[in-house]
Protein backbone atom coordinates (compact mmCIF):
# COMPACT_ATOMS: atom_id res chain seq x y z
CA MET A 1 4.26 12.70 9.86
CA LYS A 2 1.96 9.48 9.99
CA PHE A 3 2.83 6.38 11.50
CA TRP A 4 1.54 2.64 10.45
CA GLN A 5 1.53 -0.34 11.62
CA ALA A 6 2.22 -3.17 8.83
CA ILE A 7 -0.15 -6.48 9.37
CA SER A 8 1.48 -8.88 6.82
CA PHE A 9 1.40 -12.08 7.97
CA ALA A 10 -0.71 -11.34 11.13
CA GLU A 11 -3.27 -13.83 12.43
CA PRO A 12 -6.63 -13.13 10.80
CA ASP A 13 -9.05 -13.71 13.70
CA GLN A 14 -7.07 -11.39 15.33
CA LEU A 15 -7.50 -8.54 12.56
CA ILE A 16 -10.66 -6.72 13.99
CA GLY A 17 -8.88 -6.33 17.33
CA ILE A 18 -5.63 -4.98 15.78
CA ALA A 19 -7.63 -2.36 14.08
CA GLN A 20 -8.95 -1.16 17.39
CA ALA A 21 -6.26 -0.93 19.45
CA ALA A 22 -4.09 0.88 16.47
CA GLU A 23 -6.66 3.62 16.59
CA GLU A 24 -6.55 3.57 20.13
CA ALA A 25 -2.43 3.71 20.07
CA GLY A 26 -2.19 6.83 17.86
CA PHE A 27 -1.46 5.30 14.63
CA HIS A 28 -2.49 6.53 11.64
CA GLY A 29 -3.28 3.90 9.46
CA LEU A 30 -2.45 0.05 8.97
CA LEU A 31 -0.65 -1.63 5.79
CA LEU A 32 -2.01 -4.52 4.23
CA ALA A 33 -0.31 -7.34 1.43
CA ASP A 34 -1.58 -8.77 -1.19
CA HIS A 35 -1.32 -11.99 -2.86
CA LEU A 36 -3.89 -14.39 -4.56
CA PHE A 37 -1.96 -17.67 -3.75
CA PHE A 38 1.45 -19.22 -2.82
CA PRO A 39 2.28 -21.99 -5.94
CA ALA A 40 3.04 -25.11 -4.39
CA GLU A 41 6.33 -25.00 -6.78
CA LEU A 42 8.10 -21.78 -6.65
CA LYS A 43 9.73 -20.70 -9.81
CA SER A 44 10.23 -17.19 -9.25
CA LYS A 45 12.75 -15.50 -7.06
CA TYR A 46 11.26 -13.04 -4.58
CA PRO A 47 13.63 -9.63 -5.37
CA TYR A 48 14.14 -8.60 -1.71
CA SER A 49 16.44 -11.45 -0.77
CA GLU A 50 19.48 -12.08 -1.34
CA ASP A 51 19.14 -15.81 -2.45
CA GLY A 52 15.34 -15.38 -4.00
CA THR A 53 13.53 -16.55 -1.11
CA PRO A 54 10.45 -15.45 0.33
CA MET A 55 9.89 -15.12 3.99
CA PHE A 56 6.75 -16.79 3.38
CA ASP A 57 5.22 -19.42 2.00
CA GLY A 58 1.83 -21.11 1.52
CA ARG A 59 0.50 -21.31 5.00
CA THR A 60 1.27 -17.59 5.29
CA PRO A 61 -2.39 -16.15 5.62
CA PHE A 62 -3.15 -13.43 2.87
CA PRO A 63 -6.95 -12.40 3.43
CA ASP A 64 -8.17 -10.33 0.53
CA PRO A 65 -7.56 -6.81 1.65
CA TRP A 66 -10.83 -5.00 0.67
CA THR A 67 -12.56 -7.56 2.45
CA THR A 68 -10.55 -7.29 5.51
CA ILE A 69 -10.57 -3.49 5.33
CA ALA A 70 -14.11 -2.91 4.76
CA ALA A 71 -14.99 -4.95 8.33
CA MET A 72 -12.24 -2.98 10.15
CA ALA A 73 -13.09 0.29 8.64
CA ALA A 74 -16.44 -0.43 10.28
CA VAL A 75 -15.34 -0.83 13.68
CA THR A 76 -12.73 2.23 13.61
CA LYS A 77 -13.73 5.53 13.20
CA ARG A 78 -10.47 7.56 12.56
CA LEU A 79 -7.80 4.80 11.14
CA HIS A 80 -6.75 4.95 7.78
CA PHE A 81 -6.04 1.55 5.48
CA ALA A 82 -3.83 1.09 2.93
CA THR A 83 -2.15 -2.37 0.57
CA PHE A 84 1.58 -2.69 0.70
CA VAL A 85 0.99 -3.67 -2.19
CA PHE A 86 -1.69 -4.94 -3.80
CA ILE A 87 -0.95 -6.55 -7.22
CA LEU A 88 -2.92 -4.64 -9.47
CA PRO A 89 -2.47 -6.15 -13.05
CA LEU A 90 -3.63 -9.40 -11.56
CA ARG A 91 -6.96 -7.76 -11.61
CA GLU A 92 -9.42 -6.48 -14.18
CA PRO A 93 -10.27 -2.55 -14.17
CA ILE A 94 -14.10 -1.87 -13.83
CA GLN A 95 -14.67 -4.32 -10.83
CA LEU A 96 -11.86 -2.94 -9.01
CA ALA A 97 -12.99 0.41 -8.74
CA LYS A 98 -16.03 -0.59 -8.02
CA THR A 99 -15.09 -2.34 -4.98
CA LEU A 100 -12.70 0.47 -4.19
CA GLY A 101 -15.19 3.43 -5.01
CA THR A 102 -18.07 1.12 -2.69
CA LEU A 103 -15.35 1.08 0.16
CA ALA A 104 -14.15 4.49 0.24
CA LEU A 105 -17.51 6.11 0.18
CA LEU A 106 -18.47 3.65 3.05
CA SER A 107 -15.33 4.45 4.91
CA ALA A 108 -15.35 8.28 4.18
CA GLY A 109 -12.36 8.29 2.12
CA ARG A 110 -9.74 6.49 4.72
CA VAL A 111 -8.72 4.00 2.12
CA ALA A 112 -5.41 3.74 -0.39
CA LEU A 113 -4.67 1.83 -3.56
CA GLY A 114 -1.02 0.98 -2.92
CA ALA A 115 -0.04 -0.88 -5.65
CA GLY A 116 3.16 -2.88 -7.54
CA ALA A 117 3.63 -5.01 -10.92
CA GLY A 118 4.16 -8.15 -8.58
CA TRP A 119 7.19 -10.65 -8.79
CA ILE A 120 5.42 -14.11 -8.60
CA ARG A 121 5.05 -15.37 -12.51
CA GLU A 122 2.77 -18.17 -11.43
CA GLU A 123 0.00 -16.42 -10.59
CA PHE A 124 0.14 -14.62 -13.72
CA ASP A 125 0.04 -17.85 -15.43
CA ALA A 126 -2.90 -19.41 -13.99
CA LEU A 127 -4.99 -16.05 -14.57
CA GLY A 128 -3.99 -16.14 -18.03
CA ILE A 129 -2.88 -12.69 -17.48
CA ASP A 130 1.09 -11.55 -19.69
CA PHE A 131 3.49 -11.19 -17.02
CA HIS A 132 5.85 -9.57 -19.48
CA THR A 133 2.93 -6.31 -19.76
CA ARG A 134 2.35 -6.42 -16.51
CA GLY A 135 4.13 -2.78 -16.11
CA LYS A 136 1.85 -1.24 -18.94
CA ARG A 137 -1.04 -3.29 -17.83
CA MET A 138 -1.14 -1.37 -14.64
CA ASP A 139 -0.19 1.99 -16.17
CA GLU A 140 -3.80 1.89 -18.49
CA MET A 141 -5.46 0.34 -14.82
CA VAL A 142 -4.67 3.70 -13.66
CA VAL A 143 -6.55 5.65 -16.15
CA ALA A 144 -9.12 3.93 -16.11
CA MET A 145 -10.37 3.56 -13.07
CA ARG A 146 -9.77 7.12 -12.43
CA LYS A 147 -11.85 7.54 -15.39
CA LEU A 148 -14.51 5.70 -13.55
CA TRP A 149 -14.33 6.79 -10.08
CA SER A 150 -15.68 10.17 -11.79
CA GLY A 151 -19.23 9.07 -11.73
CA GLU A 152 -19.36 10.87 -15.05
CA VAL A 153 -19.89 8.84 -18.49
CA VAL A 154 -17.30 7.40 -19.11
CA GLU A 155 -15.21 5.14 -21.91
CA HIS A 156 -11.84 3.76 -22.24
CA HIS A 157 -10.42 2.01 -25.59
CA GLY A 158 -6.65 0.99 -24.73
CA ARG A 159 -4.57 -1.56 -25.44
CA PHE A 160 -5.48 -3.92 -22.91
CA PHE A 161 -9.26 -2.53 -21.77
CA ASP A 162 -11.71 -1.48 -23.98
CA PHE A 163 -15.53 -0.26 -22.63
CA ALA A 164 -17.86 1.56 -24.47
CA PRO A 165 -19.98 4.93 -22.82
CA VAL A 166 -20.36 3.91 -18.62
CA GLN A 167 -21.52 5.41 -16.06
CA MET A 168 -20.35 4.14 -12.23
CA SER A 169 -22.43 4.89 -9.17
CA PRO A 170 -22.03 5.41 -6.31
CA ALA A 171 -18.81 7.53 -7.03
CA PRO A 172 -16.42 7.57 -3.84
CA PRO A 173 -16.16 11.18 -2.16
CA ARG A 174 -12.87 12.08 -4.78
CA SER A 175 -10.77 9.62 -6.55
CA VAL A 176 -9.19 6.90 -4.37
CA PRO A 177 -5.38 7.97 -3.80
CA ILE A 178 -3.25 5.15 -5.94
CA TRP A 179 0.80 4.85 -4.16
CA PHE A 180 3.31 2.99 -6.20
CA GLY A 181 6.07 0.88 -4.35
CA GLY A 182 9.32 0.17 -6.10
CA LEU A 183 12.93 1.19 -6.13
CA SER A 184 13.84 1.06 -10.11
CA ASP A 185 13.60 4.09 -11.92
CA ILE A 186 10.74 2.61 -13.57
CA ALA A 187 8.51 2.16 -10.49
CA MET A 188 9.70 5.82 -9.10
CA LYS A 189 9.15 7.63 -12.26
CA ARG A 190 6.03 5.68 -12.46
CA ALA A 191 5.27 7.17 -8.48
CA THR A 192 5.83 10.72 -9.38
CA SER A 193 3.95 11.10 -12.88
CA LEU A 194 0.98 8.79 -12.38
CA GLY A 195 0.75 8.40 -9.06
CA ASP A 196 -0.22 10.17 -5.89
CA GLY A 197 2.32 8.48 -3.69
CA TRP A 198 5.41 6.19 -3.11
CA LEU A 199 6.12 2.95 -0.98
CA GLY A 200 9.58 2.41 0.12
CA VAL A 201 10.76 -1.32 0.90
CA GLY A 202 12.89 -0.66 3.95
CA ASN A 203 15.98 2.11 3.61
CA SER A 204 18.23 3.39 6.07
CA PRO A 205 17.98 7.19 6.54
CA GLU A 206 20.52 8.57 4.22
CA GLU A 207 19.07 5.94 1.94
CA ALA A 208 16.21 7.45 2.31
CA GLU A 209 17.13 11.50 1.99
CA GLN A 210 18.41 10.11 -1.57
CA ILE A 211 15.30 8.83 -2.48
CA LEU A 212 13.52 11.75 -0.91
CA GLY A 213 15.65 14.05 -3.30
CA LYS A 214 15.36 12.19 -6.31
CA LEU A 215 11.31 11.86 -6.08
CA ALA A 216 11.67 15.50 -5.88
CA VAL A 217 13.66 16.12 -8.82
CA LEU A 218 10.82 13.77 -10.53
CA ARG A 219 7.77 15.02 -9.39
CA ARG A 220 9.42 18.94 -10.50
CA ALA A 221 10.10 17.21 -14.11
CA ALA A 222 6.38 16.16 -14.28
CA GLY A 223 5.04 19.87 -13.65
CA ARG A 224 3.60 18.11 -10.14
CA GLU A 225 5.88 19.31 -7.48
CA ARG A 226 3.06 21.47 -6.22
CA GLU A 227 0.25 18.34 -5.61
CA PRO A 228 -0.20 16.13 -3.01
CA PHE A 229 2.72 13.52 -2.80
CA GLU A 230 2.82 10.37 0.09
CA THR A 231 5.88 9.00 0.93
CA ILE A 232 5.83 5.76 3.14
CA VAL A 233 9.38 5.05 3.99
CA PRO A 234 10.12 2.10 6.45
CA LEU A 235 13.06 2.46 8.31
CA THR A 236 15.56 -0.15 9.08
CA THR A 237 16.83 1.89 11.58
CA PRO A 238 15.04 2.43 15.30
CA LEU A 239 12.48 4.94 14.50
CA GLU A 240 14.08 8.34 16.70
CA ALA A 241 12.10 11.60 16.46
CA PRO A 242 15.14 13.89 15.57
CA THR A 243 15.51 11.50 12.67
CA LEU A 244 12.08 11.29 11.75
CA ARG A 245 12.06 15.18 11.49
CA ARG A 246 15.20 15.52 9.34
CA LEU A 247 13.47 13.24 6.72
CA GLU A 248 10.16 14.86 6.97
CA GLU A 249 11.38 18.14 6.01
CA ARG A 250 12.97 16.49 3.27
CA GLY A 251 9.57 15.34 2.16
CA MET A 252 9.31 11.94 3.83
CA THR A 253 4.66 11.93 4.86
CA GLY A 254 5.16 8.33 6.80
CA ALA A 255 7.09 5.16 8.86
CA ASN A 256 5.57 2.57 9.75
CA SER A 257 6.10 -0.62 12.46
CA PHE A 258 7.20 -3.28 11.17
CA PRO A 259 5.10 -6.54 10.73
CA PHE A 260 4.44 -8.22 13.94
CA SER A 261 6.13 -11.43 12.94
CA PHE A 262 9.04 -9.31 12.80
CA THR A 263 8.91 -7.80 16.09
CA LEU A 264 7.60 -10.66 18.10
CA GLY A 265 7.56 -13.77 16.27
CA PRO A 266 6.19 -16.00 14.28
CA HIS A 267 2.91 -16.18 16.47
CA SER A 268 1.79 -13.68 18.95
CA THR A 269 -1.28 -12.85 20.97
CA LEU A 270 -3.81 -9.92 20.00
CA ALA A 271 -3.11 -8.92 24.16
CA GLN A 272 0.69 -8.69 22.96
CA LYS A 273 0.33 -6.95 19.67
CA ARG A 274 -2.22 -4.20 21.68
CA GLU A 275 0.94 -3.59 24.11
CA GLN A 276 3.58 -3.64 21.57
CA MET A 277 1.24 -0.50 19.32
CA LEU A 278 0.19 0.77 22.71
CA ARG A 279 4.06 1.27 23.85
CA PHE A 280 4.88 2.23 20.23
CA GLY A 281 2.40 5.37 20.62
CA GLU A 282 4.21 6.53 23.68
CA SER A 283 7.37 6.46 22.63
CA VAL A 284 7.61 7.27 18.72
CA ILE A 285 3.79 8.29 18.43
CA ALA A 286 3.35 11.10 20.71
CA LYS A 287 7.45 12.14 20.88
CA THR A 288 8.15 12.91 17.56
CA ASN A 289 4.50 14.68 17.03
CA ARG A 290 4.29 16.65 20.19
């Protein structure tokens, strides 16, 4: 079982130290959130709360994930990094492929793209991108970026993106893994037919078993049951070794420790975060993977 520390909302000046402490504690990797900005007047409804209000606002820090990962990868050796989730259809695929390909190369393949369609329409409106076609736009981006990561001369002619034969260098050691988040049927089918993994949003062990079973069925239907597939499933119950081992047998590959703002309060020191991660390493990671 791989264990990830979510670092959403963490104080930006502590991120380098957090990465070093996470590696010391035995975490497999860190999970970073993404938003370009928070609108002064938010009309979009947050899909993961009953009243549609998000747990963050315009004062909440969302540093650029790829710049942040580059800095943290430079001071660690084993720690992996992934976005949870990066709003993929807000971006342009050629520039993103260049950034991610270079980052994957320089970090020795320690980076993954956890992608989602996004829910803040105001972000799309500001960039002049159609909110309603974001899912199809995201699907096409994956196809285009994987072509570019091959290092060969490639071209792409699609509904949203079009480029003549080009060759991008340097190429990453392998195609950057792409994991998709979301509980909808469309999101889970996208993950199993197009992606390299699936990201959860917080579930009980019983719900996780059902989800893992559905993912297995969808992977078989797509003829991809023998391919590597990551499943990071945040659990809403305490992380106990017997439960984690049972879910691992059903296909769960990763669990996570929730953001520090959930566990330590809105603000905490780097020393407090390090102590919590070390304690998690001893009480959860070591006991589960012994």
